[in-house]
């Protein structure tokens, strides 16, 4: 039988690497959203004739919905804008 960690220190030692991995994945996902949203804003601005391009640091990402479904929605939107361009 598998031994369960008995002390809080043992439990923390098991959870900490997993938590760090999740944090790194979350940061990468936020970066993906930011990159895609920046591209969407840039192309939208070009299509509308608005040429004052914001840098991607000015892009805000709603960190409450970082799902793959939402990321795919943004990617599809970006692709449609790229075709329109």
Foldseek 3Di string as FASTA:
>chain_A
DDDDDDDPVVVCVVCVVVVVVVVVVLVVLQVLQLVLVLLLQCLVCVVVVNHPRDDSVPDDDDSVDSDPVVSVVSVVSSVVSVVVD
